[in-house]
Amino acid sequence: MLGGMKTVFSLALAASLALSAPAMAGDHDRARRAVQAGEVLPLRTILDKAAAQFPGDLIEAELEDERGQMVYEIKLISPEGNVIKLHYDARDGRLLSAKGRGVENRP
């Protein structure tokens, strides 16, 4: 039962994130303008890339300014139950890092 609830929660979270503008702590309008201006990729593009490379359920997605570089931080739960933290360059979608049990630190 808990596994089913987790899946429903993850799917609801993923759907709400996919349908809304990218999340940026405290500044959703700025994130929306950045996507509309073509400065960063839409969150849906990044989520599709993550899903193709890393199986699992979405926990959280954020658009962050890390020392002048716009980065999408994606957190997933792998099928084995491990948390995977991914960083993608928000401008070109390049995987910057992948961390978590069972995941080699790459790009």
PDB file of N, CA and C in Angstrom:
ATOM      1  N   MET A   1       0.821  -1.195   0.000  1.00  0.00           N
ATOM      2  CA  MET A   1       0.000   0.000   0.000  1.00  0.00           C
ATOM      3  C   MET A   1       0.861   1.252   0.000  1.00  0.00           C
ATOM      4  N   LEU A   2       1.890   1.270   0.843  1.00  0.00           N
ATOM      5  CA  LEU A   2       2.757   2.443   0.913  1.00  0.00           C
ATOM      6  C   LEU A   2       3.433   2.696  -0.419  1.00  0.00           C
ATOM      7  N   GLY A   3       3.908   1.638  -1.091  1.00  0.00           N
ATOM      8  CA  GLY A   3       4.552   1.798  -2.390  1.00  0.00           C
ATOM      9  C   GLY A   3       3.621   2.441  -3.397  1.00  0.00           C
ATOM     10  N   GLY A   4       2.338   2.038  -3.372  1.00  0.00           N
ATOM     11  CA  GLY A   4       1.356   2.632  -4.271  1.00  0.00           C
ATOM     12  C   GLY A   4       1.126   4.092  -3.970  1.00  0.00           C
ATOM     13  N   MET A   5       1.061   4.438  -2.677  1.00  0.00           N
ATOM     14  CA  MET A   5       0.878   5.840  -2.303  1.00  0.00           C
ATOM     15  C   MET A   5       2.080   6.656  -2.730  1.00  0.00           C
ATOM     16  N   LYS A   6       3.286   6.091  -2.589  1.00  0.00           N
ATOM     17  CA  LYS A   6       4.495   6.809  -2.987  1.00  0.00           C
ATOM     18  C   LYS A   6       4.462   7.078  -4.484  1.00  0.00           C
ATOM     19  N   THR A   7       4.025   6.084  -5.264  1.00  0.00           N
ATOM     20  CA  THR A   7       3.958   6.248  -6.710  1.00  0.00           C
ATOM     21  C   THR A   7       2.937   7.318  -7.078  1.00  0.00           C
ATOM     22  N   VAL A   8       1.769   7.291  -6.430  1.00  0.00           N
ATOM     23  CA  VAL A   8       0.745   8.297  -6.707  1.00  0.00           C
ATOM     24  C   VAL A   8       1.263   9.681  -6.361  1.00  0.00           C
ATOM     25  N   PHE A   9       1.915   9.827  -5.190  1.00  0.00           N
ATOM     26  CA  PHE A   9       2.478  11.104  -4.792  1.00  0.00           C
ATOM     27  C   PHE A   9       3.509  11.568  -5.802  1.00  0.00           C
ATOM     28  N   SER A  10       4.402  10.662  -6.215  1.00  0.00           N
ATOM     29  CA  SER A  10       5.448  11.024  -7.171  1.00  0.00           C
ATOM     30  C   SER A  10       4.842  11.445  -8.505  1.00  0.00           C
ATOM     31  N   LEU A  11       3.833  10.701  -8.950  1.00  0.00           N
ATOM     32  CA  LEU A  11       3.204  11.046 -10.220  1.00  0.00           C
ATOM     33  C   LEU A  11       2.488  12.383 -10.121  1.00  0.00           C
ATOM     34  N   ALA A  12       1.822  12.635  -9.001  1.00  0.00           N
ATOM     35  CA  ALA A  12       1.137  13.919  -8.830  1.00  0.00           C
ATOM     36  C   ALA A  12       2.139  15.059  -8.801  1.00  0.00           C
ATOM     37  N   LEU A  13       3.254  14.854  -8.102  1.00  0.00           N
ATOM     38  CA  LEU A  13       4.285  15.881  -8.042  1.00  0.00           C
ATOM     39  C   LEU A  13       4.873  16.117  -9.426  1.00  0.00           C
ATOM     40  N   ALA A  14       5.176  15.039 -10.128  1.00  0.00           N
ATOM     41  CA  ALA A  14       5.756  15.177 -11.468  1.00  0.00           C
ATOM     42  C   ALA A  14       4.789  15.894 -12.404  1.00  0.00           C
ATOM     43  N   ALA A  15       3.503  15.558 -12.317  1.00  0.00           N
ATOM     44  CA  ALA A  15       2.515  16.203 -13.182  1.00  0.00           C
ATOM     45  C   ALA A  15       2.401  17.687 -12.866  1.00  0.00           C
ATOM     46  N   SER A  16       2.391  18.016 -11.588  1.00  0.00           N
ATOM     47  CA  SER A  16       2.269  19.436 -11.240  1.00  0.00           C
ATOM     48  C   SER A  16       3.498  20.214 -11.675  1.00  0.00           C
ATOM     49  N   LEU A  17       4.669  19.607 -11.560  1.00  0.00           N
ATOM     50  CA  LEU A  17       5.881  20.290 -12.003  1.00  0.00           C
ATOM     51  C   LEU A  17       5.917  20.424 -13.514  1.00  0.00           C
ATOM     52  N   ALA A  18       5.461  19.403 -14.209  1.00  0.00           N
ATOM     53  CA  ALA A  18       5.505  19.428 -15.663  1.00  0.00           C
ATOM     54  C   ALA A  18       4.550  20.469 -16.233  1.00  0.00           C
ATOM     55  N   LEU A  19       3.443  20.701 -15.551  1.00  0.00           N
ATOM     56  CA  LEU A  19       2.446  21.625 -16.065  1.00  0.00           C
ATOM     57  C   LEU A  19       2.687  23.063 -15.641  1.00  0.00           C
ATOM     58  N   SER A  20       3.545  23.263 -14.658  1.00  0.00           N
ATOM     59  CA  SER A  20       3.793  24.617 -14.173  1.00  0.00           C
ATOM     60  C   SER A  20       5.144  25.106 -14.676  1.00  0.00           C
ATOM     61  N   ALA A  21       5.423  26.378 -14.391  1.00  0.00           N
ATOM     62  CA  ALA A  21       6.733  26.934 -14.733  1.00  0.00           C
ATOM     63  C   ALA A  21       7.774  26.294 -13.839  1.00  0.00           C
ATOM     64  N   PRO A  22       9.038  26.284 -14.237  1.00  0.00           N
ATOM     65  CA  PRO A  22      10.084  25.710 -13.398  1.00  0.00           C
ATOM     66  C   PRO A  22      10.098  26.361 -12.022  1.00  0.00           C
ATOM     67  N   ALA A  23      10.427  25.560 -11.040  1.00  0.00           N
ATOM     68  CA  ALA A  23      10.447  26.068  -9.665  1.00  0.00           C
ATOM     69  C   ALA A  23      11.784  26.741  -9.373  1.00  0.00           C
ATOM     70  N   MET A  24      11.718  27.942  -8.865  1.00  0.00           N
ATOM     71  CA  MET A  24      12.920  28.633  -8.407  1.00  0.00           C
ATOM     72  C   MET A  24      12.582  29.186  -7.041  1.00  0.00           C
ATOM     73  N   ALA A  25      13.374  28.819  -6.048  1.00  0.00           N
ATOM     74  CA  ALA A  25      13.089  29.208  -4.672  1.00  0.00           C
ATOM     75  C   ALA A  25      12.847  30.707  -4.587  1.00  0.00           C
ATOM     76  N   GLY A  26      11.606  31.083  -4.239  1.00  0.00           N
ATOM     77  CA  GLY A  26      11.280  32.479  -4.018  1.00  0.00           C
ATOM     78  C   GLY A  26      11.128  33.328  -5.264  1.00  0.00           C
ATOM     79  N   ASP A  27      11.259  32.769  -6.464  1.00  0.00           N
ATOM     80  CA  ASP A  27      11.196  33.631  -7.643  1.00  0.00           C
ATOM     81  C   ASP A  27      10.671  32.876  -8.858  1.00  0.00           C
ATOM     82  N   HIS A  28       9.406  32.475  -8.820  1.00  0.00           N
ATOM     83  CA  HIS A  28       8.801  31.735  -9.927  1.00  0.00           C
ATOM     84  C   HIS A  28       8.683  32.586 -11.186  1.00  0.00           C
ATOM     85  N   ASP A  29       8.399  33.873 -11.009  1.00  0.00           N
ATOM     86  CA  ASP A  29       8.260  34.747 -12.172  1.00  0.00           C
ATOM     87  C   ASP A  29       9.574  34.881 -12.934  1.00  0.00           C
ATOM     88  N   ARG A  30      10.654  34.988 -12.207  1.00  0.00           N
ATOM     89  CA  ARG A  30      11.970  35.086 -12.852  1.00  0.00           C
ATOM     90  C   ARG A  30      12.269  33.812 -13.645  1.00  0.00           C
ATOM     91  N   ALA A  31      11.932  32.670 -13.075  1.00  0.00           N
ATOM     92  CA  ALA A  31      12.154  31.399 -13.777  1.00  0.00           C
ATOM     93  C   ALA A  31      11.304  31.329 -15.039  1.00  0.00           C
ATOM     94  N   ARG A  32      10.053  31.719 -14.935  1.00  0.00           N
ATOM     95  CA  ARG A  32       9.152  31.693 -16.093  1.00  0.00           C
ATOM     96  C   ARG A  32       9.679  32.603 -17.204  1.00  0.00           C
ATOM     97  N   ARG A  33      10.131  33.794 -16.830  1.00  0.00           N
ATOM     98  CA  ARG A  33      10.683  34.735 -17.832  1.00  0.00           C
ATOM     99  C   ARG A  33      11.951  34.153 -18.473  1.00  0.00           C
ATOM    100  N   ALA A  34      12.781  33.490 -17.696  1.00  0.00           N
ATOM    101  CA  ALA A  34      14.015  32.907 -18.243  1.00  0.00           C
ATOM    102  C   ALA A  34      13.695  31.830 -19.275  1.00  0.00           C
ATOM    103  N   VAL A  35      12.672  31.024 -19.018  1.00  0.00           N
ATOM    104  CA  VAL A  35      12.266  29.994 -19.977  1.00  0.00           C
ATOM    105  C   VAL A  35      11.683  30.664 -21.224  1.00  0.00           C
ATOM    106  N   GLN A  36      10.796  31.639 -21.031  1.00  0.00           N
ATOM    107  CA  GLN A  36      10.171  32.321 -22.168  1.00  0.00           C
ATOM    108  C   GLN A  36      11.192  33.046 -23.031  1.00  0.00           C
ATOM    109  N   ALA A  37      12.250  33.566 -22.417  1.00  0.00           N
ATOM    110  CA  ALA A  37      13.290  34.278 -23.158  1.00  0.00           C
ATOM    111  C   ALA A  37      14.302  33.334 -23.793  1.00  0.00           C
ATOM    112  N   GLY A  38      14.169  32.040 -23.519  1.00  0.00           N
ATOM    113  CA  GLY A  38      15.104  31.073 -24.088  1.00  0.00           C
ATOM    114  C   GLY A  38      16.437  31.023 -23.363  1.00  0.00           C
ATOM    115  N   GLU A  39      16.497  31.594 -22.170  1.00  0.00           N
ATOM    116  CA  GLU A  39      17.738  31.591 -21.388  1.00  0.00           C
ATOM    117  C   GLU A  39      17.986  30.239 -20.726  1.00  0.00           C
ATOM    118  N   VAL A  40      16.916  29.534 -20.409  1.00  0.00           N
ATOM    119  CA  VAL A  40      17.020  28.194 -19.828  1.00  0.00           C
ATOM    120  C   VAL A  40      16.010  27.287 -20.506  1.00  0.00           C
ATOM    121  N   LEU A  41      16.273  26.000 -20.471  1.00  0.00           N
ATOM    122  CA  LEU A  41      15.354  25.017 -21.039  1.00  0.00           C
ATOM    123  C   LEU A  41      14.159  24.828 -20.115  1.00  0.00           C
ATOM    124  N   PRO A  42      13.016  24.430 -20.678  1.00  0.00           N
ATOM    125  CA  PRO A  42      11.859  24.129 -19.825  1.00  0.00           C
ATOM    126  C   PRO A  42      12.143  22.921 -18.932  1.00  0.00           C
ATOM    127  N   LEU A  43      11.533  22.906 -17.780  1.00  0.00           N
ATOM    128  CA  LEU A  43      11.699  21.804 -16.844  1.00  0.00           C
ATOM    129  C   LEU A  43      11.327  20.475 -17.486  1.00  0.00           C
ATOM    130  N   ARG A  44      10.285  20.444 -18.290  1.00  0.00           N
ATOM    131  CA  ARG A  44       9.852  19.201 -18.944  1.00  0.00           C
ATOM    132  C   ARG A  44      10.999  18.586 -19.753  1.00  0.00           C
ATOM    133  N   THR A  45      11.788  19.405 -20.427  1.00  0.00           N
ATOM    134  CA  THR A  45      12.923  18.914 -21.214  1.00  0.00           C
ATOM    135  C   THR A  45      13.937  18.211 -20.309  1.00  0.00           C
ATOM    136  N   ILE A  46      14.218  18.807 -19.176  1.00  0.00           N
ATOM    137  CA  ILE A  46      15.185  18.240 -18.233  1.00  0.00           C
ATOM    138  C   ILE A  46      14.637  16.960 -17.614  1.00  0.00           C
ATOM    139  N   LEU A  47      13.352  16.964 -17.255  1.00  0.00           N
ATOM    140  CA  LEU A  47      12.749  15.758 -16.677  1.00  0.00           C
ATOM    141  C   LEU A  47      12.759  14.602 -17.670  1.00  0.00           C
ATOM    142  N   ASP A  48      12.536  14.891 -18.946  1.00  0.00           N
ATOM    143  CA  ASP A  48      12.600  13.844 -19.970  1.00  0.00           C
ATOM    144  C   ASP A  48      14.013  13.277 -20.082  1.00  0.00           C
ATOM    145  N   LYS A  49      15.032  14.144 -20.041  1.00  0.00           N
ATOM    146  CA  LYS A  49      16.425  13.694 -20.090  1.00  0.00           C
ATOM    147  C   LYS A  49      16.741  12.810 -18.880  1.00  0.00           C
ATOM    148  N   ALA A  50      16.335  13.264 -17.701  1.00  0.00           N
ATOM    149  CA  ALA A  50      16.604  12.509 -16.477  1.00  0.00           C
ATOM    150  C   ALA A  50      15.937  11.137 -16.536  1.00  0.00           C
ATOM    151  N   ALA A  51      14.687  11.080 -16.974  1.00  0.00           N
ATOM    152  CA  ALA A  51      13.959   9.812 -17.045  1.00  0.00           C
ATOM    153  C   ALA A  51      14.614   8.843 -18.023  1.00  0.00           C
ATOM    154  N   ALA A  52      15.172   9.366 -19.106  1.00  0.00           N
ATOM    155  CA  ALA A  52      15.831   8.515 -20.095  1.00  0.00           C
ATOM    156  C   ALA A  52      17.142   7.936 -19.570  1.00  0.00           C
ATOM    157  N   GLN A  53      17.808   8.657 -18.659  1.00  0.00           N
ATOM    158  CA  GLN A  53      19.108   8.232 -18.153  1.00  0.00           C
ATOM    159  C   GLN A  53      19.045   7.515 -16.813  1.00  0.00           C
ATOM    160  N   PHE A  54      18.057   7.861 -15.996  1.00  0.00           N
ATOM    161  CA  PHE A  54      17.994   7.361 -14.628  1.00  0.00           C
ATOM    162  C   PHE A  54      16.561   6.943 -14.290  1.00  0.00           C
ATOM    163  N   PRO A  55      16.302   5.645 -14.180  1.00  0.00           N
ATOM    164  CA  PRO A  55      14.956   5.221 -13.802  1.00  0.00           C
ATOM    165  C   PRO A  55      14.661   5.615 -12.358  1.00  0.00           C
ATOM    166  N   GLY A  56      13.418   5.919 -12.078  1.00  0.00           N
ATOM    167  CA  GLY A  56      13.026   6.250 -10.719  1.00  0.00           C
ATOM    168  C   GLY A  56      11.873   7.232 -10.697  1.00  0.00           C
ATOM    169  N   ASP A  57      11.448   7.548  -9.494  1.00  0.00           N
ATOM    170  CA  ASP A  57      10.342   8.474  -9.281  1.00  0.00           C
ATOM    171  C   ASP A  57      10.885   9.829  -8.839  1.00  0.00           C
ATOM    172  N   LEU A  58      10.315  10.883  -9.378  1.00  0.00           N
ATOM    173  CA  LEU A  58      10.709  12.245  -9.042  1.00  0.00           C
ATOM    174  C   LEU A  58      10.324  12.573  -7.604  1.00  0.00           C
ATOM    175  N   ILE A  59      11.269  13.153  -6.862  1.00  0.00           N
ATOM    176  CA  ILE A  59      11.001  13.654  -5.519  1.00  0.00           C
ATOM    177  C   ILE A  59      10.884  15.175  -5.564  1.00  0.00           C
ATOM    178  N   GLU A  60      11.853  15.808  -6.241  1.00  0.00           N
ATOM    179  CA  GLU A  60      11.926  17.263  -6.219  1.00  0.00           C
ATOM    180  C   GLU A  60      12.662  17.762  -7.453  1.00  0.00           C
ATOM    181  N   ALA A  61      12.280  18.959  -7.907  1.00  0.00           N
ATOM    182  CA  ALA A  61      12.969  19.616  -9.016  1.00  0.00           C
ATOM    183  C   ALA A  61      13.052  21.099  -8.703  1.00  0.00           C
ATOM    184  N   GLU A  62      14.255  21.662  -8.845  1.00  0.00           N
ATOM    185  CA  GLU A  62      14.468  23.082  -8.566  1.00  0.00           C
ATOM    186  C   GLU A  62      15.375  23.680  -9.626  1.00  0.00           C
ATOM    187  N   LEU A  63      15.137  24.950  -9.911  1.00  0.00           N
ATOM    188  CA  LEU A  63      16.028  25.724 -10.760  1.00  0.00           C
ATOM    189  C   LEU A  63      16.788  26.656  -9.841  1.00  0.00           C
ATOM    190  N   GLU A  64      18.103  26.545  -9.842  1.00  0.00           N
ATOM    191  CA  GLU A  64      18.935  27.305  -8.911  1.00  0.00           C
ATOM    192  C   GLU A  64      20.016  28.082  -9.648  1.00  0.00           C
ATOM    193  N   ASP A  65      20.409  29.186  -9.053  1.00  0.00           N
ATOM    194  CA  ASP A  65      21.543  29.959  -9.539  1.00  0.00           C
ATOM    195  C   ASP A  65      22.738  29.567  -8.671  1.00  0.00           C
ATOM    196  N   GLU A  66      23.636  28.780  -9.242  1.00  0.00           N
ATOM    197  CA  GLU A  66      24.820  28.325  -8.513  1.00  0.00           C
ATOM    198  C   GLU A  66      26.039  29.077  -9.043  1.00  0.00           C
ATOM    199  N   ARG A  67      26.411  30.103  -8.306  1.00  0.00           N
ATOM    200  CA  ARG A  67      27.569  30.931  -8.661  1.00  0.00           C
ATOM    201  C   ARG A  67      27.495  31.430 -10.101  1.00  0.00           C
ATOM    202  N   GLY A  68      26.322  31.964 -10.472  1.00  0.00           N
ATOM    203  CA  GLY A  68      26.163  32.546 -11.802  1.00  0.00           C
ATOM    204  C   GLY A  68      25.761  31.563 -12.883  1.00  0.00           C
ATOM    205  N   GLN A  69      25.682  30.280 -12.573  1.00  0.00           N
ATOM    206  CA  GLN A  69      25.273  29.273 -13.547  1.00  0.00           C
ATOM    207  C   GLN A  69      23.890  28.753 -13.160  1.00  0.00           C
ATOM    208  N   MET A  70      22.958  28.802 -14.101  1.00  0.00           N
ATOM    209  CA  MET A  70      21.627  28.289 -13.844  1.00  0.00           C
ATOM    210  C   MET A  70      21.655  26.764 -13.955  1.00  0.00           C
ATOM    211  N   VAL A  71      21.186  26.096 -12.895  1.00  0.00           N
ATOM    212  CA  VAL A  71      21.278  24.640 -12.786  1.00  0.00           C
ATOM    213  C   VAL A  71      19.930  24.088 -12.326  1.00  0.00           C
ATOM    214  N   TYR A  72      19.480  23.030 -13.000  1.00  0.00           N
ATOM    215  CA  TYR A  72      18.334  22.279 -12.508  1.00  0.00           C
ATOM    216  C   TYR A  72      18.855  21.188 -11.585  1.00  0.00           C
ATOM    217  N   GLU A  73      18.312  21.146 -10.377  1.00  0.00           N
ATOM    218  CA  GLU A  73      18.636  20.079  -9.435  1.00  0.00           C
ATOM    219  C   GLU A  73      17.419  19.155  -9.371  1.00  0.00           C
ATOM    220  N   ILE A  74      17.639  17.903  -9.709  1.00  0.00           N
ATOM    221  CA  ILE A  74      16.574  16.908  -9.750  1.00  0.00           C
ATOM    222  C   ILE A  74      16.902  15.828  -8.723  1.00  0.00           C
ATOM    223  N   LYS A  75      15.928  15.472  -7.902  1.00  0.00           N
ATOM    224  CA  LYS A  75      16.096  14.376  -6.945  1.00  0.00           C
ATOM    225  C   LYS A  75      15.102  13.283  -7.292  1.00  0.00           C
ATOM    226  N   LEU A  76      15.625  12.063  -7.375  1.00  0.00           N
ATOM    227  CA  LEU A  76      14.824  10.891  -7.716  1.00  0.00           C
ATOM    228  C   LEU A  76      14.989   9.814  -6.657  1.00  0.00           C
ATOM    229  N   ILE A  77      14.027   8.899  -6.612  1.00  0.00           N
ATOM    230  CA  ILE A  77      14.171   7.656  -5.845  1.00  0.00           C
ATOM    231  C   ILE A  77      14.302   6.563  -6.885  1.00  0.00           C
ATOM    232  N   SER A  78      15.411   5.831  -6.839  1.00  0.00           N
ATOM    233  CA  SER A  78      15.647   4.749  -7.800  1.00  0.00           C
ATOM    234  C   SER A  78      14.715   3.576  -7.487  1.00  0.00           C
ATOM    235  N   PRO A  79      14.561   2.636  -8.424  1.00  0.00           N
ATOM    236  CA  PRO A  79      13.747   1.448  -8.156  1.00  0.00           C
ATOM    237  C   PRO A  79      14.240   0.659  -6.937  1.00  0.00           C
ATOM    238  N   GLU A  80      15.517   0.791  -6.614  1.00  0.00           N
ATOM    239  CA  GLU A  80      16.088   0.106  -5.444  1.00  0.00           C
ATOM    240  C   GLU A  80      15.872   0.896  -4.151  1.00  0.00           C
ATOM    241  N   GLY A  81      15.293   2.097  -4.246  1.00  0.00           N
ATOM    242  CA  GLY A  81      15.011   2.906  -3.069  1.00  0.00           C
ATOM    243  C   GLY A  81      16.102   3.893  -2.696  1.00  0.00           C
ATOM    244  N   ASN A  82      17.074   4.091  -3.569  1.00  0.00           N
ATOM    245  CA  ASN A  82      18.158   5.037  -3.301  1.00  0.00           C
ATOM    246  C   ASN A  82      17.816   6.426  -3.837  1.00  0.00           C
ATOM    247  N   VAL A  83      18.231   7.457  -3.104  1.00  0.00           N
ATOM    248  CA  VAL A  83      18.050   8.832  -3.565  1.00  0.00           C
ATOM    249  C   VAL A  83      19.181   9.161  -4.537  1.00  0.00           C
ATOM    250  N   ILE A  84      18.805   9.706  -5.673  1.00  0.00           N
ATOM    251  CA  ILE A  84      19.763  10.115  -6.699  1.00  0.00           C
ATOM    252  C   ILE A  84      19.592  11.619  -6.895  1.00  0.00           C
ATOM    253  N   LYS A  85      20.693  12.339  -6.836  1.00  0.00           N
ATOM    254  CA  LYS A  85      20.678  13.796  -7.005  1.00  0.00           C
ATOM    255  C   LYS A  85      21.402  14.128  -8.309  1.00  0.00           C
ATOM    256  N   LEU A  86      20.701  14.804  -9.198  1.00  0.00           N
ATOM    257  CA  LEU A  86      21.230  15.139 -10.520  1.00  0.00           C
ATOM    258  C   LEU A  86      21.302  16.648 -10.679  1.00  0.00           C
ATOM    259  N   HIS A  87      22.348  17.113 -11.338  1.00  0.00           N
ATOM    260  CA  HIS A  87      22.484  18.532 -11.677  1.00  0.00           C
ATOM    261  C   HIS A  87      22.636  18.631 -13.194  1.00  0.00           C
ATOM    262  N   TYR A  88      21.764  19.433 -13.798  1.00  0.00           N
ATOM    263  CA  TYR A  88      21.807  19.679 -15.242  1.00  0.00           C
ATOM    264  C   TYR A  88      22.016  21.160 -15.497  1.00  0.00           C
ATOM    265  N   ASP A  89      22.842  21.476 -16.484  1.00  0.00           N
ATOM    266  CA  ASP A  89      22.995  22.853 -16.929  1.00  0.00           C
ATOM    267  C   ASP A  89      21.651  23.279 -17.514  1.00  0.00           C
ATOM    268  N   ALA A  90      21.056  24.315 -16.959  1.00  0.00           N
ATOM    269  CA  ALA A  90      19.719  24.739 -17.383  1.00  0.00           C
ATOM    270  C   ALA A  90      19.716  25.354 -18.772  1.00  0.00           C
ATOM    271  N   ARG A  91      20.858  25.816 -19.238  1.00  0.00           N
ATOM    272  CA  ARG A  91      20.912  26.462 -20.553  1.00  0.00           C
ATOM    273  C   ARG A  91      20.955  25.450 -21.702  1.00  0.00           C
ATOM    274  N   ASP A  92      21.722  24.362 -21.525  1.00  0.00           N
ATOM    275  CA  ASP A  92      21.872  23.409 -22.633  1.00  0.00           C
ATOM    276  C   ASP A  92      21.462  21.975 -22.284  1.00  0.00           C
ATOM    277  N   GLY A  93      21.057  21.717 -21.044  1.00  0.00           N
ATOM    278  CA  GLY A  93      20.598  20.392 -20.653  1.00  0.00           C
ATOM    279  C   GLY A  93      21.692  19.380 -20.385  1.00  0.00           C
ATOM    280  N   ARG A  94      22.923  19.834 -20.363  1.00  0.00           N
ATOM    281  CA  ARG A  94      24.058  18.925 -20.135  1.00  0.00           C
ATOM    282  C   ARG A  94      24.051  18.449 -18.682  1.00  0.00           C
ATOM    283  N   LEU A  95      24.250  17.121 -18.492  1.00  0.00           N
ATOM    284  CA  LEU A  95      24.358  16.562 -17.149  1.00  0.00           C
ATOM    285  C   LEU A  95      25.680  17.012 -16.540  1.00  0.00           C
ATOM    286  N   LEU A  96      25.604  17.683 -15.397  1.00  0.00           N
ATOM    287  CA  LEU A  96      26.805  18.169 -14.723  1.00  0.00           C
ATOM    288  C   LEU A  96      27.300  17.178 -13.684  1.00  0.00           C
ATOM    289  N   SER A  97      26.366  16.558 -12.957  1.00  0.00           N
ATOM    290  CA  SER A  97      26.763  15.557 -11.965  1.00  0.00           C
ATOM    291  C   SER A  97      25.586  14.663 -11.631  1.00  0.00           C
ATOM    292  N   ALA A  98      25.926  13.460 -11.181  1.00  0.00           N
ATOM    293  CA  ALA A  98      24.943  12.484 -10.726  1.00  0.00           C
ATOM    294  C   ALA A  98      25.517  11.828  -9.483  1.00  0.00           C
ATOM    295  N   LYS A  99      24.789  11.924  -8.379  1.00  0.00           N
ATOM    296  CA  LYS A  99      25.284  11.371  -7.128  1.00  0.00           C
ATOM    297  C   LYS A  99      24.208  10.525  -6.475  1.00  0.00           C
ATOM    298  N   GLY A 100      24.642   9.477  -5.816  1.00  0.00           N
ATOM    299  CA  GLY A 100      23.724   8.610  -5.088  1.00  0.00           C
ATOM    300  C   GLY A 100      24.246   7.188  -5.136  1.00  0.00           C
ATOM    301  N   ARG A 101      23.762   6.375  -4.215  1.00  0.00           N
ATOM    302  CA  ARG A 101      24.178   4.971  -4.155  1.00  0.00           C
ATOM    303  C   ARG A 101      23.807   4.280  -5.460  1.00  0.00           C
ATOM    304  N   GLY A 102      24.776   3.595  -6.041  1.00  0.00           N
ATOM    305  CA  GLY A 102      24.545   2.870  -7.279  1.00  0.00           C
ATOM    306  C   GLY A 102      24.686   3.712  -8.531  1.00  0.00           C
ATOM    307  N   VAL A 103      25.055   4.970  -8.369  1.00  0.00           N
ATOM    308  CA  VAL A 103      25.234   5.863  -9.525  1.00  0.00           C
ATOM    309  C   VAL A 103      26.663   6.383  -9.482  1.00  0.00           C
ATOM    310  N   GLU A 104      27.362   6.201 -10.572  1.00  0.00           N
ATOM    311  CA  GLU A 104      28.711   6.754 -10.630  1.00  0.00           C
ATOM    312  C   GLU A 104      28.622   8.261 -10.777  1.00  0.00           C
ATOM    313  N   ASN A 105      29.540   8.980 -10.153  1.00  0.00           N
ATOM    314  CA  ASN A 105      29.560  10.439 -10.301  1.00  0.00           C
ATOM    315  C   ASN A 105      30.078  10.752 -11.699  1.00  0.00           C
ATOM    316  N   ARG A 106      29.227  11.255 -12.480  1.00  0.00           N
ATOM    317  CA  ARG A 106      29.586  11.557 -13.863  1.00  0.00           C
ATOM    318  C   ARG A 106      28.991  12.854 -14.276  1.00  0.00           C
ATOM    319  N   PRO A 107      29.446  13.467 -15.205  1.00  0.00           N
ATOM    320  CA  PRO A 107      28.938  13.400 -16.544  1.00  0.00           C
ATOM    321  C   PRO A 107      29.776  12.555 -17.389  1.00  0.00           C
TER     322      PRO A 107
END
